[in-house]
Amino acid sequence: MKVEIFRFNAKNDVLGFYKPYFFENCEFATLGDLLSEVKKQDPYFDYEGIKFARINGKVSSLDQSIAGLDDFKISPLNEHGAYKDLLYKNDDFMAVFELFKKFSKGSDRAVYKELEEYFYISDLRNYMSDYLGESSFIYGVYLCKKYPEKKEEISQIFLNDKNGFPYYDERFLNTNLAKDKLYEAVKYIKDNLSFARQQIAIKKEPQNEYKFSKFDDFKVAYYGKKAKISGLNFIEFDSEKPNGYEYLPLDKNLSYKLAGEILFDAYDNDADFILVNDENDFYMFDTLAKQAQKASGRELENFYVLRLDELSQIENSTLPKSLKKHKLRVLI
């Protein structure tokens, strides 16, 4: 087993690094068991007091099973706040409590502190450092239920359209933790509270079946819901992330960053083009391609976006007239 563990000492180091550890004929039941053995071998390693860490980026409990894993990375829950290996400062998490402080009494603060892991489970934090976090939704709902006479005032804190619940998207969650507590809070919010997220009509994708035979030399990045497609050489890339379309009414720059990240992930994985089956996806990747490139600080070269219907027409020896309207020049 090879395990790489994040090491950093704020007193001596400028940057953190991953130190490899190798184990032969060792079977660790949980992440905690592994870290305990590392501590025995390396007394300077620090993790005492933490209950959670990341396994390959996913927020995980120290009770998380690691059976079957043989090559992975372990990092702190909050790498930006790390000061000694897996130990980190949680100032950003506690700063959000201050927003709820005047509505919190007695043991409420302790309830909030028990939700720390939920503050870090969304990758949206990589784009929005001031995102209130899923912990604020769970805690906010807890307060609304406990102090119903203050529900309107409390809900305004975590329902705000600057960094609150309107930005919540399950596709950003990156965790091995059970999500029941979060889903219960989300359901309560949707059923009982009104929030300011503007709804954009999302067009449904046609359910046609597509068969191709002329594109063996092309590497294709497909983005969107599953469709019946055969005869194409698909590459693996991060196709599950939101492309930012639903965030356009809230934060255009965030939308451009999200679209750009997907575009360049496909581009860096040697795709010749992105194939989509939804006009909203086409809008984000092609119509807004200039903005997405600017937000990413990079430029695309010889890369473009095609609709499934357009590729189907090309398969049948017809050049779609719509290609002339593409922002990214089609080279096929």
C-alpha atoms as a PDB file:
ATOM      1  CA  MET A   1       0.000   0.000   0.000  1.00  0.00           C
ATOM      2  CA  LYS A   2       1.230   3.457  -0.909  1.00  0.00           C
ATOM      3  CA  VAL A   3      -0.228   6.447   0.938  1.00  0.00           C
ATOM      4  CA  GLU A   4       0.752  10.071   0.409  1.00  0.00           C
ATOM      5  CA  ILE A   5      -0.002  12.311   3.391  1.00  0.00           C
ATOM      6  CA  PHE A   6      -0.027  16.099   3.433  1.00  0.00           C
ATOM      7  CA  ARG A   7       2.805  17.486   5.546  1.00  0.00           C
ATOM      8  CA  PHE A   8       3.271  21.089   6.547  1.00  0.00           C
ATOM      9  CA  ASN A   9       4.666  23.030   9.482  1.00  0.00           C
ATOM     10  CA  ALA A  10       3.787  26.714   9.412  1.00  0.00           C
ATOM     11  CA  LYS A  11       6.811  27.465  11.609  1.00  0.00           C
ATOM     12  CA  ASN A  12       9.308  26.128   9.080  1.00  0.00           C
ATOM     13  CA  ASP A  13       7.695  25.445   5.705  1.00  0.00           C
ATOM     14  CA  VAL A  14       6.667  27.815   2.936  1.00  0.00           C
ATOM     15  CA  LEU A  15       4.577  25.236   1.089  1.00  0.00           C
ATOM     16  CA  GLY A  16       2.975  21.952   2.004  1.00  0.00           C
ATOM     17  CA  PHE A  17       3.973  18.706   0.337  1.00  0.00           C
ATOM     18  CA  TYR A  18       2.854  15.076   0.187  1.00  0.00           C
ATOM     19  CA  LYS A  19       5.107  12.564   1.891  1.00  0.00           C
ATOM     20  CA  PRO A  20       4.812   8.953   0.685  1.00  0.00           C
ATOM     21  CA  TYR A  21       4.442   6.061   3.128  1.00  0.00           C
ATOM     22  CA  PHE A  22       4.639   2.414   2.102  1.00  0.00           C
ATOM     23  CA  PHE A  23       3.093  -0.537   3.931  1.00  0.00           C
ATOM     24  CA  GLU A  24       3.504  -4.213   3.148  1.00  0.00           C
ATOM     25  CA  ASN A  25       1.140  -6.897   4.386  1.00  0.00           C
ATOM     26  CA  CYS A  26      -0.801  -4.354   6.409  1.00  0.00           C
ATOM     27  CA  GLU A  27      -4.570  -4.323   6.560  1.00  0.00           C
ATOM     28  CA  PHE A  28      -6.035  -1.181   8.065  1.00  0.00           C
ATOM     29  CA  ALA A  29      -9.760  -1.218   8.750  1.00  0.00           C
ATOM     30  CA  THR A  30     -10.203   2.551   8.910  1.00  0.00           C
ATOM     31  CA  LEU A  31      -8.488   5.813   8.105  1.00  0.00           C
ATOM     32  CA  GLY A  32      -7.919   6.326  11.837  1.00  0.00           C
ATOM     33  CA  ASP A  33      -6.102   2.982  12.107  1.00  0.00           C
ATOM     34  CA  LEU A  34      -3.768   3.994   9.286  1.00  0.00           C
ATOM     35  CA  LEU A  35      -2.989   7.413  10.787  1.00  0.00           C
ATOM     36  CA  SER A  36      -2.267   5.794  14.137  1.00  0.00           C
ATOM     37  CA  GLU A  37       0.332   3.538  12.504  1.00  0.00           C
ATOM     38  CA  VAL A  38       1.873   6.494  10.655  1.00  0.00           C
ATOM     39  CA  LYS A  39       2.208   8.316  13.976  1.00  0.00           C
ATOM     40  CA  LYS A  40       4.069   5.331  15.452  1.00  0.00           C
ATOM     41  CA  GLN A  41       6.518   5.326  12.540  1.00  0.00           C
ATOM     42  CA  ASP A  42       6.806   9.089  12.278  1.00  0.00           C
ATOM     43  CA  PRO A  43       6.469  10.793  15.711  1.00  0.00           C
ATOM     44  CA  TYR A  44       6.632  14.263  14.168  1.00  0.00           C
ATOM     45  CA  PHE A  45       3.441  13.672  12.187  1.00  0.00           C
ATOM     46  CA  ASP A  46       0.434  15.499  13.683  1.00  0.00           C
ATOM     47  CA  TYR A  47      -3.238  14.634  13.474  1.00  0.00           C
ATOM     48  CA  GLU A  48      -4.280  14.455  17.122  1.00  0.00           C
ATOM     49  CA  GLY A  49      -7.724  15.843  17.846  1.00  0.00           C
ATOM     50  CA  ILE A  50      -9.145  15.801  14.325  1.00  0.00           C
ATOM     51  CA  LYS A  51     -12.209  13.730  13.478  1.00  0.00           C
ATOM     52  CA  PHE A  52     -12.181  14.248   9.723  1.00  0.00           C
ATOM     53  CA  ALA A  53      -9.724  14.465   6.838  1.00  0.00           C
ATOM     54  CA  ARG A  54      -9.811  14.056   3.071  1.00  0.00           C
ATOM     55  CA  ILE A  55      -9.190  10.848   1.147  1.00  0.00           C
ATOM     56  CA  ASN A  56      -8.358  11.748  -2.450  1.00  0.00           C
ATOM     57  CA  GLY A  57     -10.124  15.047  -1.865  1.00  0.00           C
ATOM     58  CA  LYS A  58     -13.294  13.571  -0.363  1.00  0.00           C
ATOM     59  CA  VAL A  59     -14.231  14.660   3.153  1.00  0.00           C
ATOM     60  CA  SER A  60     -14.127  11.514   5.277  1.00  0.00           C
ATOM     61  CA  SER A  61     -14.468  10.484   8.908  1.00  0.00           C
ATOM     62  CA  LEU A  62     -11.502   8.819  10.602  1.00  0.00           C
ATOM     63  CA  ASP A  63     -13.900   5.857  10.913  1.00  0.00           C
ATOM     64  CA  GLN A  64     -14.104   5.648   7.109  1.00  0.00           C
ATOM     65  CA  SER A  65     -13.215   2.196   5.806  1.00  0.00           C
ATOM     66  CA  ILE A  66     -10.152   2.108   3.542  1.00  0.00           C
ATOM     67  CA  ALA A  67     -10.494  -1.564   2.652  1.00  0.00           C
ATOM     68  CA  GLY A  68      -9.537  -2.065  -0.978  1.00  0.00           C
ATOM     69  CA  LEU A  69      -7.581   1.179  -1.273  1.00  0.00           C
ATOM     70  CA  ASP A  70      -3.900   0.746  -2.095  1.00  0.00           C
ATOM     71  CA  ASP A  71      -2.757   4.084  -3.545  1.00  0.00           C
ATOM     72  CA  PHE A  72      -4.311   7.286  -2.253  1.00  0.00           C
ATOM     73  CA  LYS A  73      -3.727  10.715  -0.740  1.00  0.00           C
ATOM     74  CA  ILE A  74      -4.729  12.076   2.655  1.00  0.00           C
ATOM     75  CA  SER A  75      -5.059  15.814   3.228  1.00  0.00           C
ATOM     76  CA  PRO A  76      -6.528  18.125   5.896  1.00  0.00           C
ATOM     77  CA  LEU A  77     -10.166  19.098   5.891  1.00  0.00           C
ATOM     78  CA  ASN A  78      -9.122  22.692   5.234  1.00  0.00           C
ATOM     79  CA  GLU A  79      -5.782  22.741   3.422  1.00  0.00           C
ATOM     80  CA  HIS A  80      -5.791  26.542   3.154  1.00  0.00           C
ATOM     81  CA  GLY A  81      -5.945  26.764   6.942  1.00  0.00           C
ATOM     82  CA  ALA A  82      -3.427  23.981   7.655  1.00  0.00           C
ATOM     83  CA  TYR A  83      -0.723  24.825  10.174  1.00  0.00           C
ATOM     84  CA  LYS A  84       0.676  21.398  11.133  1.00  0.00           C
ATOM     85  CA  ASP A  85       0.066  18.414   8.856  1.00  0.00           C
ATOM     86  CA  LEU A  86      -3.634  17.480   9.162  1.00  0.00           C
ATOM     87  CA  LEU A  87      -4.297  20.142  11.812  1.00  0.00           C
ATOM     88  CA  TYR A  88      -5.942  23.328  10.545  1.00  0.00           C
ATOM     89  CA  LYS A  89      -7.500  26.590  11.660  1.00  0.00           C
ATOM     90  CA  ASN A  90     -11.285  26.764  11.372  1.00  0.00           C
ATOM     91  CA  ASP A  91     -11.606  30.551  11.574  1.00  0.00           C
ATOM     92  CA  ASP A  92     -13.672  30.653   8.380  1.00  0.00           C
ATOM     93  CA  PHE A  93     -16.147  28.141   9.804  1.00  0.00           C
ATOM     94  CA  MET A  94     -16.504  29.966  13.112  1.00  0.00           C
ATOM     95  CA  ALA A  95     -16.831  33.345  11.367  1.00  0.00           C
ATOM     96  CA  VAL A  96     -20.137  32.154   9.905  1.00  0.00           C
ATOM     97  CA  PHE A  97     -21.421  31.404  13.410  1.00  0.00           C
ATOM     98  CA  GLU A  98     -21.088  35.108  14.187  1.00  0.00           C
ATOM     99  CA  LEU A  99     -23.901  35.731  11.675  1.00  0.00           C
ATOM    100  CA  PHE A 100     -26.200  33.523  13.759  1.00  0.00           C
ATOM    101  CA  LYS A 101     -24.825  34.508  17.158  1.00  0.00           C
ATOM    102  CA  LYS A 102     -27.628  36.825  18.251  1.00  0.00           C
ATOM    103  CA  PHE A 103     -30.169  34.063  17.626  1.00  0.00           C
ATOM    104  CA  SER A 104     -28.134  31.368  19.398  1.00  0.00           C
ATOM    105  CA  LYS A 105     -28.511  30.571  23.073  1.00  0.00           C
ATOM    106  CA  GLY A 106     -27.044  28.132  25.573  1.00  0.00           C
ATOM    107  CA  SER A 107     -26.016  24.887  23.879  1.00  0.00           C
ATOM    108  CA  ASP A 108     -26.688  26.192  20.346  1.00  0.00           C
ATOM    109  CA  ARG A 109     -23.031  27.090  19.824  1.00  0.00           C
ATOM    110  CA  ALA A 110     -22.056  23.493  20.600  1.00  0.00           C
ATOM    111  CA  VAL A 111     -24.603  22.274  18.038  1.00  0.00           C
ATOM    112  CA  TYR A 112     -23.016  24.525  15.409  1.00  0.00           C
ATOM    113  CA  LYS A 113     -19.485  23.317  16.202  1.00  0.00           C
ATOM    114  CA  GLU A 114     -20.602  19.716  15.637  1.00  0.00           C
ATOM    115  CA  LEU A 115     -21.386  20.615  12.010  1.00  0.00           C
ATOM    116  CA  GLU A 116     -17.837  21.637  11.071  1.00  0.00           C
ATOM    117  CA  GLU A 117     -17.277  18.882   8.516  1.00  0.00           C
ATOM    118  CA  TYR A 118     -20.317  20.036   6.537  1.00  0.00           C
ATOM    119  CA  PHE A 119     -18.746  23.454   6.071  1.00  0.00           C
ATOM    120  CA  TYR A 120     -16.028  21.920   3.902  1.00  0.00           C
ATOM    121  CA  ILE A 121     -17.884  19.250   1.877  1.00  0.00           C
ATOM    122  CA  SER A 122     -18.685  21.389  -1.174  1.00  0.00           C
ATOM    123  CA  ASP A 123     -16.160  22.041  -3.938  1.00  0.00           C
ATOM    124  CA  LEU A 124     -18.015  25.284  -4.581  1.00  0.00           C
ATOM    125  CA  ARG A 125     -15.712  26.705  -1.901  1.00  0.00           C
ATOM    126  CA  ASN A 126     -12.894  26.448  -4.473  1.00  0.00           C
ATOM    127  CA  TYR A 127     -14.659  29.201  -6.426  1.00  0.00           C
ATOM    128  CA  MET A 128     -16.378  31.107  -3.618  1.00  0.00           C
ATOM    129  CA  SER A 129     -14.236  31.442  -0.504  1.00  0.00           C
ATOM    130  CA  ASP A 130     -17.072  33.266   1.301  1.00  0.00           C
ATOM    131  CA  TYR A 131     -19.682  30.562   0.606  1.00  0.00           C
ATOM    132  CA  LEU A 132     -21.630  30.032   3.843  1.00  0.00           C
ATOM    133  CA  GLY A 133     -21.415  26.277   3.485  1.00  0.00           C
ATOM    134  CA  GLU A 134     -23.811  23.415   3.982  1.00  0.00           C
ATOM    135  CA  SER A 135     -23.247  23.635   7.746  1.00  0.00           C
ATOM    136  CA  SER A 136     -25.026  27.005   7.754  1.00  0.00           C
ATOM    137  CA  PHE A 137     -28.112  25.498   6.099  1.00  0.00           C
ATOM    138  CA  ILE A 138     -28.316  22.680   8.632  1.00  0.00           C
ATOM    139  CA  TYR A 139     -27.752  25.035  11.557  1.00  0.00           C
ATOM    140  CA  GLY A 140     -30.071  27.692  10.157  1.00  0.00           C
ATOM    141  CA  VAL A 141     -32.896  25.171   9.844  1.00  0.00           C
ATOM    142  CA  TYR A 142     -32.163  23.948  13.386  1.00  0.00           C
ATOM    143  CA  LEU A 143     -32.591  27.519  14.686  1.00  0.00           C
ATOM    144  CA  CYS A 144     -35.730  28.108  12.606  1.00  0.00           C
ATOM    145  CA  LYS A 145     -37.338  25.049  14.162  1.00  0.00           C
ATOM    146  CA  LYS A 146     -36.173  25.880  17.687  1.00  0.00           C
ATOM    147  CA  TYR A 147     -37.142  29.554  17.528  1.00  0.00           C
ATOM    148  CA  PRO A 148     -40.050  29.688  15.016  1.00  0.00           C
ATOM    149  CA  GLU A 149     -40.925  33.249  16.036  1.00  0.00           C
ATOM    150  CA  LYS A 150     -37.525  34.306  14.610  1.00  0.00           C
ATOM    151  CA  LYS A 151     -37.720  32.136  11.495  1.00  0.00           C
ATOM    152  CA  GLU A 152     -37.908  34.979   8.992  1.00  0.00           C
ATOM    153  CA  GLU A 153     -34.915  36.821  10.427  1.00  0.00           C
ATOM    154  CA  ILE A 154     -32.828  33.667  10.774  1.00  0.00           C
ATOM    155  CA  SER A 155     -33.594  32.391   7.290  1.00  0.00           C
ATOM    156  CA  GLN A 156     -32.532  35.681   5.710  1.00  0.00           C
ATOM    157  CA  ILE A 157     -28.965  34.927   6.850  1.00  0.00           C
ATOM    158  CA  PHE A 158     -28.505  31.677   4.944  1.00  0.00           C
ATOM    159  CA  LEU A 159     -30.955  32.300   2.103  1.00  0.00           C
ATOM    160  CA  ASN A 160     -29.143  35.406   0.851  1.00  0.00           C
ATOM    161  CA  ASP A 161     -28.266  35.465  -2.849  1.00  0.00           C
ATOM    162  CA  LYS A 162     -24.675  36.623  -2.296  1.00  0.00           C
ATOM    163  CA  ASN A 163     -23.167  33.495  -0.752  1.00  0.00           C
ATOM    164  CA  GLY A 164     -26.016  31.453   0.679  1.00  0.00           C
ATOM    165  CA  PHE A 165     -28.427  28.666  -0.204  1.00  0.00           C
ATOM    166  CA  PRO A 166     -29.229  29.869  -3.739  1.00  0.00           C
ATOM    167  CA  TYR A 167     -25.733  28.622  -4.662  1.00  0.00           C
ATOM    168  CA  TYR A 168     -26.276  25.138  -3.239  1.00  0.00           C
ATOM    169  CA  ASP A 169     -25.825  22.375  -5.809  1.00  0.00           C
ATOM    170  CA  GLU A 170     -25.559  18.729  -4.847  1.00  0.00           C
ATOM    171  CA  ARG A 171     -23.144  18.096  -7.717  1.00  0.00           C
ATOM    172  CA  PHE A 172     -20.458  20.071  -5.846  1.00  0.00           C
ATOM    173  CA  LEU A 173     -20.566  17.779  -2.794  1.00  0.00           C
ATOM    174  CA  ASN A 174     -17.296  15.883  -2.404  1.00  0.00           C
ATOM    175  CA  THR A 175     -17.616  13.615   0.601  1.00  0.00           C
ATOM    176  CA  ASN A 176     -17.879  10.064   1.887  1.00  0.00           C
ATOM    177  CA  LEU A 177     -20.061  11.235   4.772  1.00  0.00           C
ATOM    178  CA  ALA A 178     -23.730  10.381   5.102  1.00  0.00           C
ATOM    179  CA  LYS A 179     -25.800  13.279   3.772  1.00  0.00           C
ATOM    180  CA  ASP A 180     -29.117  12.575   5.516  1.00  0.00           C
ATOM    181  CA  LYS A 181     -28.804  15.545   7.859  1.00  0.00           C
ATOM    182  CA  LEU A 182     -28.042  17.879   4.942  1.00  0.00           C
ATOM    183  CA  TYR A 183     -30.817  16.537   2.718  1.00  0.00           C
ATOM    184  CA  GLU A 184     -33.305  16.954   5.551  1.00  0.00           C
ATOM    185  CA  ALA A 185     -32.326  20.614   5.878  1.00  0.00           C
ATOM    186  CA  VAL A 186     -32.482  21.174   2.112  1.00  0.00           C
ATOM    187  CA  LYS A 187     -35.963  19.650   1.984  1.00  0.00           C
ATOM    188  CA  TYR A 188     -37.132  21.870   4.840  1.00  0.00           C
ATOM    189  CA  ILE A 189     -35.787  24.958   3.065  1.00  0.00           C
ATOM    190  CA  LYS A 190     -37.476  24.089  -0.222  1.00  0.00           C
ATOM    191  CA  ASP A 191     -40.758  23.145   1.438  1.00  0.00           C
ATOM    192  CA  ASN A 192     -41.017  25.919   4.031  1.00  0.00           C
ATOM    193  CA  LEU A 193     -38.865  28.871   3.044  1.00  0.00           C
ATOM    194  CA  SER A 194     -38.673  31.128   0.021  1.00  0.00           C
ATOM    195  CA  PHE A 195     -35.299  32.036  -1.419  1.00  0.00           C
ATOM    196  CA  ALA A 196     -34.094  34.376  -4.133  1.00  0.00           C
ATOM    197  CA  ARG A 197     -32.532  32.008  -6.639  1.00  0.00           C
ATOM    198  CA  GLN A 198     -33.875  32.922 -10.046  1.00  0.00           C
ATOM    199  CA  GLN A 199     -35.008  29.884 -11.949  1.00  0.00           C
ATOM    200  CA  ILE A 200     -33.796  29.542 -15.516  1.00  0.00           C
ATOM    201  CA  ALA A 201     -35.779  27.305 -17.812  1.00  0.00           C
ATOM    202  CA  ILE A 202     -33.663  24.275 -18.586  1.00  0.00           C
ATOM    203  CA  LYS A 203     -34.443  22.711 -21.916  1.00  0.00           C
ATOM    204  CA  LYS A 204     -34.914  18.972 -21.985  1.00  0.00           C
ATOM    205  CA  GLU A 205     -32.654  16.918 -24.173  1.00  0.00           C
ATOM    206  CA  PRO A 206     -34.145  14.871 -27.001  1.00  0.00           C
ATOM    207  CA  GLN A 207     -33.965  11.140 -26.425  1.00  0.00           C
ATOM    208  CA  ASN A 208     -32.888  10.158 -29.950  1.00  0.00           C
ATOM    209  CA  GLU A 209     -30.432   7.354 -30.595  1.00  0.00           C
ATOM    210  CA  TYR A 210     -27.226   8.373 -32.385  1.00  0.00           C
ATOM    211  CA  LYS A 211     -24.943   6.033 -34.323  1.00  0.00           C
ATOM    212  CA  PHE A 212     -21.657   7.184 -35.855  1.00  0.00           C
ATOM    213  CA  SER A 213     -19.029   5.553 -38.075  1.00  0.00           C
ATOM    214  CA  LYS A 214     -16.950   8.398 -39.528  1.00  0.00           C
ATOM    215  CA  PHE A 215     -15.202   9.841 -36.473  1.00  0.00           C
ATOM    216  CA  ASP A 216     -12.771   7.144 -35.340  1.00  0.00           C
ATOM    217  CA  ASP A 217      -9.852   9.598 -35.403  1.00  0.00           C
ATOM    218  CA  PHE A 218     -11.533  12.112 -33.118  1.00  0.00           C
ATOM    219  CA  LYS A 219     -11.394  12.187 -29.325  1.00  0.00           C
ATOM    220  CA  VAL A 220     -14.735  13.388 -28.012  1.00  0.00           C
ATOM    221  CA  ALA A 221     -15.645  14.902 -24.634  1.00  0.00           C
ATOM    222  CA  TYR A 222     -19.352  14.382 -24.023  1.00  0.00           C
ATOM    223  CA  TYR A 223     -21.074  16.687 -21.542  1.00  0.00           C
ATOM    224  CA  GLY A 224     -24.666  16.299 -20.447  1.00  0.00           C
ATOM    225  CA  LYS A 225     -27.204  13.698 -19.478  1.00  0.00           C
ATOM    226  CA  LYS A 226     -26.835  10.213 -20.844  1.00  0.00           C
ATOM    227  CA  ALA A 227     -27.881   9.676 -24.421  1.00  0.00           C
ATOM    228  CA  LYS A 228     -27.871   6.636 -26.690  1.00  0.00           C
ATOM    229  CA  ILE A 229     -24.636   7.200 -28.593  1.00  0.00           C
ATOM    230  CA  SER A 230     -22.400   4.643 -30.295  1.00  0.00           C
ATOM    231  CA  GLY A 231     -19.402   4.772 -32.604  1.00  0.00           C
ATOM    232  CA  LEU A 232     -17.500   7.624 -30.923  1.00  0.00           C
ATOM    233  CA  ASN A 233     -14.196   7.620 -29.044  1.00  0.00           C
ATOM    234  CA  PHE A 234     -15.060   9.256 -25.714  1.00  0.00           C
ATOM    235  CA  ILE A 235     -12.363  10.565 -23.385  1.00  0.00           C
ATOM    236  CA  GLU A 236     -12.640  10.712 -19.602  1.00  0.00           C
ATOM    237  CA  PHE A 237     -12.928  14.154 -18.051  1.00  0.00           C
ATOM    238  CA  ASP A 238     -14.857  15.857 -15.274  1.00  0.00           C
ATOM    239  CA  SER A 239     -18.257  15.836 -16.954  1.00  0.00           C
ATOM    240  CA  GLU A 240     -20.332  15.799 -13.763  1.00  0.00           C
ATOM    241  CA  LYS A 241     -19.592  19.340 -12.561  1.00  0.00           C
ATOM    242  CA  PRO A 242     -22.165  22.108 -13.072  1.00  0.00           C
ATOM    243  CA  ASN A 243     -21.213  24.324 -15.993  1.00  0.00           C
ATOM    244  CA  GLY A 244     -22.540  27.483 -14.370  1.00  0.00           C
ATOM    245  CA  TYR A 245     -25.719  28.002 -16.394  1.00  0.00           C
ATOM    246  CA  GLU A 246     -27.973  28.115 -13.340  1.00  0.00           C
ATOM    247  CA  TYR A 247     -25.693  30.662 -11.651  1.00  0.00           C
ATOM    248  CA  LEU A 248     -25.920  33.262 -14.419  1.00  0.00           C
ATOM    249  CA  PRO A 249     -28.599  35.354 -12.623  1.00  0.00           C
ATOM    250  CA  LEU A 250     -26.538  35.273  -9.403  1.00  0.00           C
ATOM    251  CA  ASP A 251     -22.908  35.617 -10.406  1.00  0.00           C
ATOM    252  CA  LYS A 252     -21.809  35.718 -14.035  1.00  0.00           C
ATOM    253  CA  ASN A 253     -18.107  35.527 -13.190  1.00  0.00           C
ATOM    254  CA  LEU A 254     -18.659  32.335 -11.244  1.00  0.00           C
ATOM    255  CA  SER A 255     -20.589  30.919 -14.217  1.00  0.00           C
ATOM    256  CA  TYR A 256     -17.736  31.754 -16.587  1.00  0.00           C
ATOM    257  CA  LYS A 257     -15.179  30.114 -14.252  1.00  0.00           C
ATOM    258  CA  LEU A 258     -17.198  26.919 -14.026  1.00  0.00           C
ATOM    259  CA  ALA A 259     -17.689  26.718 -17.788  1.00  0.00           C
ATOM    260  CA  GLY A 260     -14.017  27.453 -18.369  1.00  0.00           C
ATOM    261  CA  GLU A 261     -12.890  24.740 -15.988  1.00  0.00           C
ATOM    262  CA  ILE A 262     -14.915  22.117 -17.867  1.00  0.00           C
ATOM    263  CA  LEU A 263     -13.760  23.381 -21.266  1.00  0.00           C
ATOM    264  CA  PHE A 264     -10.102  23.266 -20.311  1.00  0.00           C
ATOM    265  CA  ASP A 265     -10.436  19.933 -18.540  1.00  0.00           C
ATOM    266  CA  ALA A 266     -11.663  18.445 -21.824  1.00  0.00           C
ATOM    267  CA  TYR A 267      -9.006  20.362 -23.752  1.00  0.00           C
ATOM    268  CA  ASP A 268      -6.186  19.229 -21.447  1.00  0.00           C
ATOM    269  CA  ASN A 269      -7.346  15.629 -21.775  1.00  0.00           C
ATOM    270  CA  ASP A 270      -6.726  15.850 -25.538  1.00  0.00           C
ATOM    271  CA  ALA A 271     -10.337  16.025 -26.675  1.00  0.00           C
ATOM    272  CA  ASP A 272     -10.831  17.431 -30.170  1.00  0.00           C
ATOM    273  CA  PHE A 273     -14.199  18.900 -29.246  1.00  0.00           C
ATOM    274  CA  ILE A 274     -16.984  18.903 -26.650  1.00  0.00           C
ATOM    275  CA  LEU A 275     -20.227  17.270 -27.709  1.00  0.00           C
ATOM    276  CA  VAL A 276     -23.466  18.463 -26.091  1.00  0.00           C
ATOM    277  CA  ASN A 277     -27.122  17.558 -26.339  1.00  0.00           C
ATOM    278  CA  ASP A 278     -28.630  20.583 -24.659  1.00  0.00           C
ATOM    279  CA  GLU A 279     -28.868  24.212 -25.792  1.00  0.00           C
ATOM    280  CA  ASN A 280     -28.025  25.524 -22.340  1.00  0.00           C
ATOM    281  CA  ASP A 281     -24.748  23.576 -22.372  1.00  0.00           C
ATOM    282  CA  PHE A 282     -23.985  24.863 -25.864  1.00  0.00           C
ATOM    283  CA  TYR A 283     -24.641  28.397 -24.681  1.00  0.00           C
ATOM    284  CA  MET A 284     -22.158  28.058 -21.815  1.00  0.00           C
ATOM    285  CA  PHE A 285     -19.383  26.393 -23.807  1.00  0.00           C
ATOM    286  CA  ASP A 286     -19.652  28.091 -27.185  1.00  0.00           C
ATOM    287  CA  THR A 287     -21.687  31.308 -26.967  1.00  0.00           C
ATOM    288  CA  LEU A 288     -19.840  32.312 -23.786  1.00  0.00           C
ATOM    289  CA  ALA A 289     -16.518  30.750 -24.798  1.00  0.00           C
ATOM    290  CA  LYS A 290     -14.748  34.116 -24.864  1.00  0.00           C
ATOM    291  CA  GLN A 291     -15.827  34.926 -21.313  1.00  0.00           C
ATOM    292  CA  ALA A 292     -14.955  31.411 -20.109  1.00  0.00           C
ATOM    293  CA  GLN A 293     -11.450  31.674 -21.575  1.00  0.00           C
ATOM    294  CA  LYS A 294     -10.907  35.070 -19.996  1.00  0.00           C
ATOM    295  CA  ALA A 295     -12.065  33.783 -16.596  1.00  0.00           C
ATOM    296  CA  SER A 296      -9.617  30.884 -16.920  1.00  0.00           C
ATOM    297  CA  GLY A 297      -6.728  33.070 -18.045  1.00  0.00           C
ATOM    298  CA  ARG A 298      -6.130  30.748 -20.996  1.00  0.00           C
ATOM    299  CA  GLU A 299      -7.031  30.415 -24.671  1.00  0.00           C
ATOM    300  CA  LEU A 300      -8.389  27.459 -26.617  1.00  0.00           C
ATOM    301  CA  GLU A 301      -6.665  26.502 -29.858  1.00  0.00           C
ATOM    302  CA  ASN A 302      -8.259  24.302 -32.513  1.00  0.00           C
ATOM    303  CA  PHE A 303     -11.021  23.320 -30.128  1.00  0.00           C
ATOM    304  CA  TYR A 304     -14.767  23.665 -30.549  1.00  0.00           C
ATOM    305  CA  VAL A 305     -18.234  22.623 -29.445  1.00  0.00           C
ATOM    306  CA  LEU A 306     -20.770  20.569 -31.408  1.00  0.00           C
ATOM    307  CA  ARG A 307     -24.380  19.666 -30.825  1.00  0.00           C
ATOM    308  CA  LEU A 308     -25.319  16.011 -31.232  1.00  0.00           C
ATOM    309  CA  ASP A 309     -27.726  16.897 -34.009  1.00  0.00           C
ATOM    310  CA  GLU A 310     -24.971  18.761 -35.864  1.00  0.00           C
ATOM    311  CA  LEU A 311     -22.581  15.824 -35.632  1.00  0.00           C
ATOM    312  CA  SER A 312     -25.379  13.555 -36.822  1.00  0.00           C
ATOM    313  CA  GLN A 313     -25.896  15.728 -39.883  1.00  0.00           C
ATOM    314  CA  ILE A 314     -22.179  15.619 -40.658  1.00  0.00           C
ATOM    315  CA  GLU A 315     -22.312  11.829 -40.309  1.00  0.00           C
ATOM    316  CA  ASN A 316     -24.968  11.890 -43.037  1.00  0.00           C
ATOM    317  CA  SER A 317     -22.785  14.090 -45.298  1.00  0.00           C
ATOM    318  CA  THR A 318     -24.703  17.294 -44.618  1.00  0.00           C
ATOM    319  CA  LEU A 319     -22.960  20.435 -43.409  1.00  0.00           C
ATOM    320  CA  PRO A 320     -25.196  22.118 -40.798  1.00  0.00           C
ATOM    321  CA  LYS A 321     -25.880  25.784 -41.506  1.00  0.00           C
ATOM    322  CA  SER A 322     -25.726  26.451 -37.783  1.00  0.00           C
ATOM    323  CA  LEU A 323     -21.934  25.920 -37.796  1.00  0.00           C
ATOM    324  CA  LYS A 324     -21.527  29.430 -39.218  1.00  0.00           C
ATOM    325  CA  LYS A 325     -22.991  30.853 -36.018  1.00  0.00           C
ATOM    326  CA  HIS A 326     -20.562  29.090 -33.676  1.00  0.00           C
ATOM    327  CA  LYS A 327     -18.217  31.317 -31.711  1.00  0.00           C
ATOM    328  CA  LEU A 328     -15.503  28.646 -31.670  1.00  0.00           C
ATOM    329  CA  ARG A 329     -14.551  27.752 -35.257  1.00  0.00           C
ATOM    330  CA  VAL A 330     -15.460  24.159 -36.095  1.00  0.00           C
ATOM    331  CA  LEU A 331     -12.600  22.184 -37.647  1.00  0.00           C
ATOM    332  CA  ILE A 332     -14.167  18.913 -38.711  1.00  0.00           C
END
